[in-house]
């Protein structure tokens, strides 16, 4: 992303805020792991989106369009002795020169400077999910402004959740974001190809996970966009299996759900492979049904359809297939009316994808729960799956213990869906060769 990209986003945000307002963004502090170790650090996605600032604990105040300043930052000061241990800091100078702040101050002055910044404003926007960190500070500042002895009370009268405005901006990807997502998709695809080359009976799920991690990092990714799911055999019937500690048996499938994070954008792919390179007859039947449903779902990713259109089409394909395979006796229409397919397909087909794996943006309307319309620049996943537990006596025995999911990342364009992860094969003939 360029400085102009970030500046343009801040201008759009400033115009979306009510007059006499400020939006406050905050990066989290590092999370303690054990001893003197922290977990791997990830900056706040909204902070990254509007400024690119990735330093722990940094705060940015973005002011509405009617204000003279646009962004004021608060950061850790330069400290040569400390930086010898933990690496360089941007400091106030870097916050201005590198990240485009109009002004920047030592984070230690945050409370006093907020009193100045918020003195004449009416509204403060912030991400309510950060309330534990921000609310005590903001309430303290506002209380000081509101109770000034014999002087008139000043300062904001309302707090507003920033997530709706920021989420709608982030939902539609700009050109720079789309390029980043293409890179994330490409790195994710290559990591999966690495797995295909090493997959065989007897290896551990953890080895598959390690191969993905190595493949992502070796190609320049920050790391995984989420904890990789490498679910062999019946583990694949657990939606978010992440233990990854069993060995893969001859004749089993492995369901892999993973993605690389590149330039703070996420890839998200699911594939299901036979461990020994060949599907059994029962595995093939389920795989073909899921693949057909996924292809039909992708066809629905067009402008004019809505967020739930792929899911509705997938359910239709599943209803027909589950009945044809003798898994559900009722006819397809009744399966859909009574939601009988939910026993084997119990999650949605699509979610937004971007800086977060389950990215922000309004997917369903408030009150009526109406699905959002698909627009150019939206990126979603299409990920149908079928899961038959080993102890489900309603299912023919040959299907028990089979879990299959197939997922691709899809960009909505005026000319139809563009599958960003299309370079990763999913046809049975390609998998088995």
Protein backbone atom coordinates (compact mmCIF):
# COMPACT_ATOMS: atom_id res chain seq x y z
CA UNK A 1 0.00 0.00 0.00
CA UNK A 2 1.23 3.50 -0.76
CA UNK A 3 1.00 6.62 1.41
CA UNK A 4 -1.66 7.87 -1.01
CA UNK A 5 -3.77 4.74 -0.43
CA UNK A 6 -3.79 5.33 3.32
CA UNK A 7 -4.42 9.06 2.97
CA UNK A 8 -7.35 8.40 0.65
CA UNK A 9 -8.91 6.01 3.12
CA UNK A 10 -8.56 8.54 5.93
CA UNK A 11 -10.28 11.17 3.80
CA UNK A 12 -13.17 8.81 3.10
CA UNK A 13 -13.46 8.01 6.79
CA UNK A 14 -13.35 11.71 7.72
CA UNK A 15 -16.26 12.41 5.37
CA UNK A 16 -18.24 9.47 6.79
CA UNK A 17 -17.97 10.77 10.36
CA UNK A 18 -20.48 13.22 11.76
CA UNK A 19 -19.18 16.80 11.98
CA UNK A 20 -17.17 17.63 15.08
CA UNK A 21 -16.05 14.04 15.54
CA UNK A 22 -12.95 11.95 16.09
CA UNK A 23 -12.29 8.27 15.37
CA UNK A 24 -9.80 6.65 17.70
CA UNK A 25 -7.78 3.64 16.57
CA UNK A 26 -5.51 1.63 18.85
CA UNK A 27 -3.01 -1.15 18.34
CA UNK A 28 -3.06 -3.74 21.12
CA UNK A 29 -0.19 -4.29 23.49
CA UNK A 30 1.73 -7.57 23.01
CA UNK A 31 -0.02 -10.55 24.64
CA UNK A 32 2.02 -12.33 27.30
CA UNK A 33 2.72 -16.01 26.61
CA UNK A 34 5.01 -17.31 29.33
CA UNK A 35 8.06 -16.19 31.26
CA UNK A 36 9.45 -13.21 29.38
CA UNK A 37 7.93 -14.31 26.05
CA UNK A 38 4.98 -12.78 24.16
CA UNK A 39 2.77 -14.30 21.49
CA UNK A 40 3.52 -13.34 17.88
CA UNK A 41 2.26 -9.80 17.46
CA UNK A 42 -0.52 -8.69 15.11
CA UNK A 43 -1.55 -5.05 14.84
CA UNK A 44 -5.20 -3.97 14.75
CA UNK A 45 -6.72 -4.34 11.28
CA UNK A 46 -8.43 -0.93 11.30
CA UNK A 47 -5.20 0.77 12.35
CA UNK A 48 -3.41 -1.01 9.51
CA UNK A 49 -6.15 -0.15 7.03
CA UNK A 50 -6.21 3.57 7.75
CA UNK A 51 -2.54 4.22 8.52
CA UNK A 52 -0.29 1.19 8.02
CA UNK A 53 1.04 1.66 11.58
CA UNK A 54 2.02 -1.72 13.01
CA UNK A 55 3.78 -0.73 16.24
CA UNK A 56 2.34 -2.11 19.49
CA UNK A 57 0.28 0.28 21.59
CA UNK A 58 0.16 3.07 19.01
CA UNK A 59 -2.95 5.28 18.93
CA UNK A 60 -4.28 7.29 15.98
CA UNK A 61 -6.95 9.98 16.18
CA UNK A 62 -8.60 10.65 12.82
CA UNK A 63 -10.69 13.81 12.76
CA UNK A 64 -13.84 14.51 10.76
CA UNK A 65 -13.81 16.45 7.51
CA UNK A 66 -14.76 19.75 9.14
CA UNK A 67 -11.61 19.76 11.29
CA UNK A 68 -8.29 21.28 10.21
CA UNK A 69 -6.13 18.30 11.13
CA UNK A 70 -6.73 14.84 9.74
CA UNK A 71 -4.63 12.45 11.86
CA UNK A 72 -2.77 12.80 15.14
CA UNK A 73 -0.67 9.86 16.36
CA UNK A 74 0.64 8.77 19.73
CA UNK A 75 3.61 6.41 19.76
CA UNK A 76 6.47 5.19 21.91
CA UNK A 77 9.41 7.61 21.82
CA UNK A 78 12.75 6.59 20.39
CA UNK A 79 14.90 4.86 23.01
CA UNK A 80 18.31 3.71 21.69
CA UNK A 81 19.04 1.52 24.71
CA UNK A 82 15.68 -0.27 24.55
CA UNK A 83 15.86 -0.54 20.77
CA UNK A 84 19.09 -2.51 21.10
CA UNK A 85 16.97 -5.27 22.67
CA UNK A 86 13.69 -5.19 20.77
CA UNK A 87 14.41 -3.38 17.52
CA UNK A 88 13.89 0.13 16.18
CA UNK A 89 10.85 2.28 16.92
CA UNK A 90 9.28 4.78 14.54
CA UNK A 91 9.08 7.54 17.13
CA UNK A 92 7.17 10.76 16.63
CA UNK A 93 9.29 11.70 13.62
CA UNK A 94 8.52 8.42 11.87
CA UNK A 95 4.81 8.71 12.64
CA UNK A 96 4.79 11.96 10.66
CA UNK A 97 7.24 11.15 7.86
CA UNK A 98 6.32 7.52 7.28
CA UNK A 99 2.66 7.28 8.25
CA UNK A 100 1.40 10.73 7.33
CA UNK A 101 0.35 12.05 10.74
CA UNK A 102 -0.18 15.81 10.92
CA UNK A 103 1.27 15.66 14.42
CA UNK A 104 2.68 12.94 16.65
CA UNK A 105 3.28 12.80 20.39
CA UNK A 106 4.75 10.55 23.03
CA UNK A 107 2.15 7.94 24.07
CA UNK A 108 2.70 9.09 27.67
CA UNK A 109 0.91 12.36 26.82
CA UNK A 110 -2.17 10.64 25.41
CA UNK A 111 -4.61 11.55 28.16
CA UNK A 112 -3.67 15.22 28.29
CA UNK A 113 -3.59 15.59 24.52
CA UNK A 114 -6.97 13.87 24.15
CA UNK A 115 -8.44 16.54 26.42
CA UNK A 116 -7.23 19.13 23.92
CA UNK A 117 -8.33 17.22 20.84
CA UNK A 118 -11.80 16.33 22.14
CA UNK A 119 -12.52 19.66 23.86
CA UNK A 120 -14.72 21.06 21.08
CA UNK A 121 -15.96 17.80 19.58
CA UNK A 122 -19.36 16.15 19.97
CA UNK A 123 -18.75 12.51 19.00
CA UNK A 124 -16.09 9.89 19.49
CA UNK A 125 -15.98 6.78 17.29
CA UNK A 126 -14.05 3.69 18.34
CA UNK A 127 -14.24 -0.06 17.97
CA UNK A 128 -16.39 -1.21 20.88
CA UNK A 129 -14.57 -4.55 20.91
CA UNK A 130 -11.62 -2.55 22.29
CA UNK A 131 -13.71 -1.19 25.16
CA UNK A 132 -11.61 -2.88 27.83
CA UNK A 133 -8.62 -0.80 26.71
CA UNK A 134 -10.22 2.41 25.49
CA UNK A 135 -13.37 2.96 27.55
CA UNK A 136 -11.66 3.77 30.88
CA UNK A 137 -9.43 6.30 29.15
CA UNK A 138 -12.22 7.92 27.13
CA UNK A 139 -14.69 8.08 30.00
CA UNK A 140 -12.02 9.64 32.19
CA UNK A 141 -11.22 12.30 29.60
CA UNK A 142 -14.86 13.06 28.89
CA UNK A 143 -15.69 13.33 32.57
CA UNK A 144 -12.92 15.88 33.03
CA UNK A 145 -14.27 17.91 30.11
CA UNK A 146 -17.88 17.67 31.25
CA UNK A 147 -17.21 18.67 34.87
CA UNK A 148 -15.21 21.88 34.81
CA UNK A 149 -16.48 23.54 37.97
CA UNK A 150 -18.17 26.82 37.10
CA UNK A 151 -17.05 26.65 33.50
CA UNK A 152 -19.31 25.33 30.73
CA UNK A 153 -19.12 21.61 30.14
CA UNK A 154 -17.28 20.67 26.97
CA UNK A 155 -16.32 17.58 25.05
CA UNK A 156 -18.14 14.71 23.35
CA UNK A 157 -21.75 13.86 24.11
CA UNK A 158 -21.82 10.48 22.41
CA UNK A 159 -19.72 7.43 21.69
CA UNK A 160 -20.31 5.59 18.40
CA UNK A 161 -19.14 2.13 17.37
CA UNK A 162 -16.68 2.55 14.50
CA UNK A 163 -17.14 -0.99 13.21
CA UNK A 164 -20.07 -0.33 10.86
CA UNK A 165 -18.36 2.55 9.04
CA UNK A 166 -14.92 0.93 8.91
CA UNK A 167 -16.41 -2.44 8.03
CA UNK A 168 -18.34 -1.10 5.06
CA UNK A 169 -15.24 0.66 3.77
CA UNK A 170 -13.15 -2.48 4.13
CA UNK A 171 -15.84 -4.68 2.56
CA UNK A 172 -15.18 -3.21 -0.90
CA UNK A 173 -11.55 -3.83 -1.78
CA UNK A 174 -9.63 -1.19 -3.71
CA UNK A 175 -7.09 -1.98 -6.43
CA UNK A 176 -4.14 -2.16 -4.02
CA UNK A 177 -6.03 -4.53 -1.74
CA UNK A 178 -7.01 -6.79 -4.60
CA UNK A 179 -3.36 -7.09 -5.61
CA UNK A 180 -2.45 -7.97 -2.02
CA UNK A 181 -5.18 -10.60 -1.92
CA UNK A 182 -3.94 -12.09 -5.17
CA UNK A 183 -0.50 -12.42 -3.58
CA UNK A 184 -1.98 -14.03 -0.47
CA UNK A 185 -3.94 -16.45 -2.64
CA UNK A 186 -0.89 -17.34 -4.72
CA UNK A 187 1.29 -18.04 -1.67
CA UNK A 188 -1.51 -20.08 -0.10
CA UNK A 189 -1.85 -22.15 -3.28
CA UNK A 190 1.87 -22.92 -3.38
CA UNK A 191 1.83 -24.02 0.25
CA UNK A 192 -0.93 -26.52 -0.56
CA UNK A 193 1.04 -27.78 -3.55
CA UNK A 194 3.96 -28.44 -1.21
CA UNK A 195 1.66 -30.65 0.86
CA UNK A 196 0.49 -32.55 -2.20
CA UNK A 197 4.10 -33.45 -2.97
CA UNK A 198 4.81 -34.84 0.50
CA UNK A 199 1.47 -36.42 1.40
CA UNK A 200 1.55 -40.17 2.11
CA UNK A 201 0.34 -42.68 4.71
CA UNK A 202 2.18 -42.62 8.02
CA UNK A 203 3.12 -38.97 8.21
CA UNK A 204 1.70 -36.81 10.99
CA UNK A 205 -0.93 -34.14 10.72
CA UNK A 206 1.67 -31.91 12.36
CA UNK A 207 4.03 -32.53 9.44
CA UNK A 208 1.36 -31.30 7.04
CA UNK A 209 0.92 -28.23 9.22
CA UNK A 210 4.67 -27.62 9.32
CA UNK A 211 4.91 -27.97 5.54
CA UNK A 212 2.23 -25.32 5.11
CA UNK A 213 3.91 -22.98 7.57
CA UNK A 214 7.28 -23.39 5.89
CA UNK A 215 5.80 -22.91 2.44
CA UNK A 216 4.02 -19.74 3.45
CA UNK A 217 6.97 -18.15 5.23
CA UNK A 218 9.48 -19.21 2.57
CA UNK A 219 7.45 -17.28 0.01
CA UNK A 220 7.31 -14.06 2.03
CA UNK A 221 4.13 -14.45 4.06
CA UNK A 222 3.86 -13.01 7.56
CA UNK A 223 2.65 -16.47 8.53
CA UNK A 224 -0.65 -18.30 8.66
CA UNK A 225 -3.80 -16.20 8.37
CA UNK A 226 -5.37 -18.52 10.97
CA UNK A 227 -4.46 -21.76 12.73
CA UNK A 228 -4.21 -24.45 10.06
CA UNK A 229 -6.68 -27.33 10.15
CA UNK A 230 -5.03 -30.59 9.05
CA UNK A 231 -7.72 -33.13 9.86
CA UNK A 232 -7.07 -36.75 8.92
CA UNK A 233 -9.74 -39.44 8.86
CA UNK A 234 -12.71 -38.88 11.16
CA UNK A 235 -11.15 -35.68 12.51
CA UNK A 236 -12.40 -34.08 9.30
CA UNK A 237 -15.95 -34.30 10.63
CA UNK A 238 -15.03 -31.75 13.33
CA UNK A 239 -15.37 -28.33 11.72
CA UNK A 240 -12.50 -26.55 13.50
CA UNK A 241 -10.17 -29.39 14.40
CA UNK A 242 -6.79 -27.79 15.14
CA UNK A 243 -4.94 -30.35 17.31
CA UNK A 244 -3.05 -31.73 14.30
CA UNK A 245 -1.34 -34.46 16.31
CA UNK A 246 -2.44 -37.80 14.77
CA UNK A 247 -0.79 -39.87 12.07
CA UNK A 248 -2.44 -40.26 8.68
CA UNK A 249 -3.64 -43.76 7.86
CA UNK A 250 -3.71 -45.51 4.51
CA UNK A 251 -7.20 -45.14 3.04
CA UNK A 252 -8.03 -41.97 4.95
CA UNK A 253 -8.83 -38.52 3.63
CA UNK A 254 -7.22 -35.41 5.03
CA UNK A 255 -9.18 -32.16 5.11
CA UNK A 256 -6.87 -29.13 5.08
CA UNK A 257 -8.16 -25.62 5.76
CA UNK A 258 -5.34 -23.06 5.78
CA UNK A 259 -4.11 -19.82 4.29
CA UNK A 260 -1.18 -17.45 4.19
CA UNK A 261 -1.21 -13.89 5.48
CA UNK A 262 0.62 -11.66 3.02
CA UNK A 263 0.94 -7.91 3.54
CA UNK A 264 -1.73 -8.27 6.24
CA UNK A 265 -4.25 -9.85 3.84
CA UNK A 266 -5.53 -13.38 4.26
CA UNK A 267 -5.74 -16.37 1.98
CA UNK A 268 -8.23 -19.08 2.94
CA UNK A 269 -8.34 -22.44 1.13
CA UNK A 270 -9.83 -25.84 1.91
CA UNK A 271 -8.99 -29.01 0.06
CA UNK A 272 -9.64 -32.66 0.84
CA UNK A 273 -7.11 -35.23 -0.37
CA UNK A 274 -6.84 -39.02 -0.19
CA UNK A 275 -3.76 -39.74 1.91
CA UNK A 276 -2.64 -42.56 -0.38
CA UNK A 277 -3.47 -40.67 -3.56
CA UNK A 278 -6.66 -42.57 -4.49
CA UNK A 279 -10.25 -42.03 -3.41
CA UNK A 280 -12.35 -44.99 -2.33
CA UNK A 281 -15.71 -45.34 -4.04
CA UNK A 282 -17.57 -43.82 -1.06
CA UNK A 283 -15.06 -40.99 -0.69
CA UNK A 284 -15.32 -40.26 -4.40
CA UNK A 285 -19.12 -40.03 -4.22
CA UNK A 286 -19.06 -37.52 -1.39
CA UNK A 287 -16.19 -35.55 -2.91
CA UNK A 288 -17.94 -35.30 -6.28
CA UNK A 289 -21.10 -34.03 -4.60
CA UNK A 290 -19.23 -31.36 -2.63
CA UNK A 291 -17.26 -30.31 -5.71
CA UNK A 292 -20.44 -30.01 -7.78
CA UNK A 293 -22.04 -27.90 -5.04
CA UNK A 294 -18.98 -25.67 -4.81
CA UNK A 295 -18.87 -25.04 -8.54
CA UNK A 296 -22.56 -24.17 -8.53
CA UNK A 297 -22.02 -21.88 -5.56
CA UNK A 298 -19.23 -20.03 -7.36
CA UNK A 299 -21.55 -19.45 -10.32
CA UNK A 300 -23.82 -17.50 -7.98
CA UNK A 301 -21.05 -15.02 -7.09
CA UNK A 302 -22.25 -12.30 -9.45
CA UNK A 303 -23.34 -8.71 -9.10
CA UNK A 304 -27.07 -8.62 -8.39
CA UNK A 305 -27.03 -11.73 -6.23
CA UNK A 306 -26.65 -11.49 -2.48
CA UNK A 307 -24.40 -12.89 0.21
CA UNK A 308 -26.59 -15.94 0.73
CA UNK A 309 -27.06 -16.82 -2.95
CA UNK A 310 -24.13 -19.29 -3.05
CA UNK A 311 -25.42 -20.97 0.12
CA UNK A 312 -28.92 -21.37 -1.24
CA UNK A 313 -27.64 -22.98 -4.43
CA UNK A 314 -25.26 -25.26 -2.51
CA UNK A 315 -28.12 -26.48 -0.34
CA UNK A 316 -30.17 -27.31 -3.44
CA UNK A 317 -27.33 -29.41 -4.87
CA UNK A 318 -26.79 -31.12 -1.53
CA UNK A 319 -30.47 -31.91 -1.13
CA UNK A 320 -30.53 -33.60 -4.52
CA UNK A 321 -27.28 -35.47 -3.92
CA UNK A 322 -27.99 -36.61 -0.36
CA UNK A 323 -31.28 -38.05 -1.53
CA UNK A 324 -29.74 -39.72 -4.59
CA UNK A 325 -27.03 -41.36 -2.43
CA UNK A 326 -29.64 -42.72 -0.02
CA UNK A 327 -28.33 -40.69 2.90
CA UNK A 328 -31.61 -38.82 3.37
CA UNK A 329 -34.77 -40.63 2.32
CA UNK A 330 -37.00 -37.58 2.02
CA UNK A 331 -37.21 -35.89 -1.41
CA UNK A 332 -35.10 -32.77 -2.06
CA UNK A 333 -37.94 -30.30 -1.59
CA UNK A 334 -38.76 -31.72 1.82
CA UNK A 335 -35.08 -31.81 2.77
CA UNK A 336 -34.86 -28.07 2.17
CA UNK A 337 -38.17 -27.22 3.81
CA UNK A 338 -37.33 -29.18 6.97
CA UNK A 339 -33.61 -28.30 6.96
CA UNK A 340 -32.72 -32.00 7.04
CA UNK A 341 -29.41 -31.28 5.33
CA UNK A 342 -28.29 -29.34 8.43
CA UNK A 343 -27.37 -32.66 10.03
CA UNK A 344 -24.47 -32.94 7.58
CA UNK A 345 -23.94 -29.36 6.43
CA UNK A 346 -24.18 -27.12 9.46
CA UNK A 347 -22.21 -24.00 8.50
CA UNK A 348 -22.56 -21.20 6.00
CA UNK A 349 -21.09 -21.30 2.51
CA UNK A 350 -19.46 -17.88 2.40
CA UNK A 351 -17.82 -15.20 4.49
CA UNK A 352 -16.03 -11.99 3.62
CA UNK A 353 -12.27 -12.23 3.25
CA UNK A 354 -9.69 -9.48 3.61
CA UNK A 355 -7.44 -8.25 6.39
CA UNK A 356 -9.29 -10.62 8.69
CA UNK A 357 -9.99 -14.18 7.63
CA UNK A 358 -13.63 -13.69 8.59
CA UNK A 359 -13.55 -10.13 7.39
CA UNK A 360 -15.67 -7.21 8.49
CA UNK A 361 -18.59 -5.65 6.67
CA UNK A 362 -22.33 -5.97 6.96
CA UNK A 363 -23.33 -9.39 5.65
CA UNK A 364 -26.91 -9.37 6.93
CA UNK A 365 -29.10 -6.35 7.65
CA UNK A 366 -30.14 -5.24 11.10
CA UNK A 367 -33.67 -6.21 12.05
CA UNK A 368 -34.65 -8.03 8.87
CA UNK A 369 -31.42 -10.10 8.54
CA UNK A 370 -31.54 -9.45 4.78
CA UNK A 371 -28.31 -10.60 3.09
CA UNK A 372 -26.09 -7.88 1.64
CA UNK A 373 -25.90 -7.57 -2.12
CA UNK A 374 -22.70 -8.68 -3.83
CA UNK A 375 -20.78 -5.76 -5.34
CA UNK A 376 -17.62 -5.42 -7.41
CA UNK A 377 -14.59 -5.45 -5.14
CA UNK A 378 -16.09 -7.80 -2.56
CA UNK A 379 -14.06 -10.95 -1.86
CA UNK A 380 -15.82 -13.95 -0.33
CA UNK A 381 -15.13 -17.62 0.20
CA UNK A 382 -17.22 -20.44 -1.22
CA UNK A 383 -16.72 -23.45 1.04
CA UNK A 384 -19.39 -26.15 1.09
CA UNK A 385 -18.73 -29.33 3.07
CA UNK A 386 -20.35 -32.57 4.16
CA UNK A 387 -19.51 -34.27 7.45
CA UNK A 388 -20.61 -37.75 8.52
CA UNK A 389 -19.53 -38.75 12.02
CA UNK A 390 -18.38 -42.31 12.69
CA UNK A 391 -21.29 -43.01 15.05
CA UNK A 392 -24.17 -41.65 12.94
CA UNK A 393 -26.31 -44.75 12.36
CA UNK A 394 -28.64 -42.81 10.05
CA UNK A 395 -25.89 -42.78 7.43
CA UNK A 396 -24.92 -45.78 5.31
CA UNK A 397 -21.86 -47.32 6.94
CA UNK A 398 -19.58 -46.70 3.99
CA UNK A 399 -19.92 -42.92 4.43
CA UNK A 400 -19.36 -42.80 8.19
CA UNK A 401 -16.21 -40.95 9.22
CA UNK A 402 -15.95 -39.03 5.94
CA UNK A 403 -15.57 -35.25 6.01
CA UNK A 404 -15.06 -33.23 2.83
CA UNK A 405 -14.77 -29.46 2.37
CA UNK A 406 -13.63 -27.55 -0.72
CA UNK A 407 -13.02 -23.81 -0.48
CA UNK A 408 -11.82 -21.09 -2.82
CA UNK A 409 -11.45 -17.32 -2.58
CA UNK A 410 -13.68 -15.45 -5.03
CA UNK A 411 -13.51 -11.82 -6.18
CA UNK A 412 -16.78 -10.28 -7.34
CA UNK A 413 -16.42 -8.29 -10.57
CA UNK A 414 -18.75 -6.74 -13.13
CA UNK A 415 -17.74 -9.55 -15.49
CA UNK A 416 -18.47 -12.41 -13.12
CA UNK A 417 -16.60 -14.28 -10.39
CA UNK A 418 -12.80 -14.44 -10.41
CA UNK A 419 -11.45 -17.37 -8.41
CA UNK A 420 -8.23 -16.08 -6.86
CA UNK A 421 -7.18 -19.59 -5.83
CA UNK A 422 -7.98 -21.25 -9.15
CA UNK A 423 -4.38 -22.44 -9.63
CA UNK A 424 -4.86 -25.11 -6.96
CA UNK A 425 -6.36 -28.23 -8.61
CA UNK A 426 -9.51 -29.76 -7.16
CA UNK A 427 -10.68 -32.16 -9.87
CA UNK A 428 -10.37 -35.84 -8.93
CA UNK A 429 -8.38 -36.57 -12.10
CA UNK A 430 -5.81 -33.94 -11.14
CA UNK A 431 -5.60 -35.07 -7.53
CA UNK A 432 -5.14 -38.75 -8.37
CA UNK A 433 -2.57 -38.40 -11.16
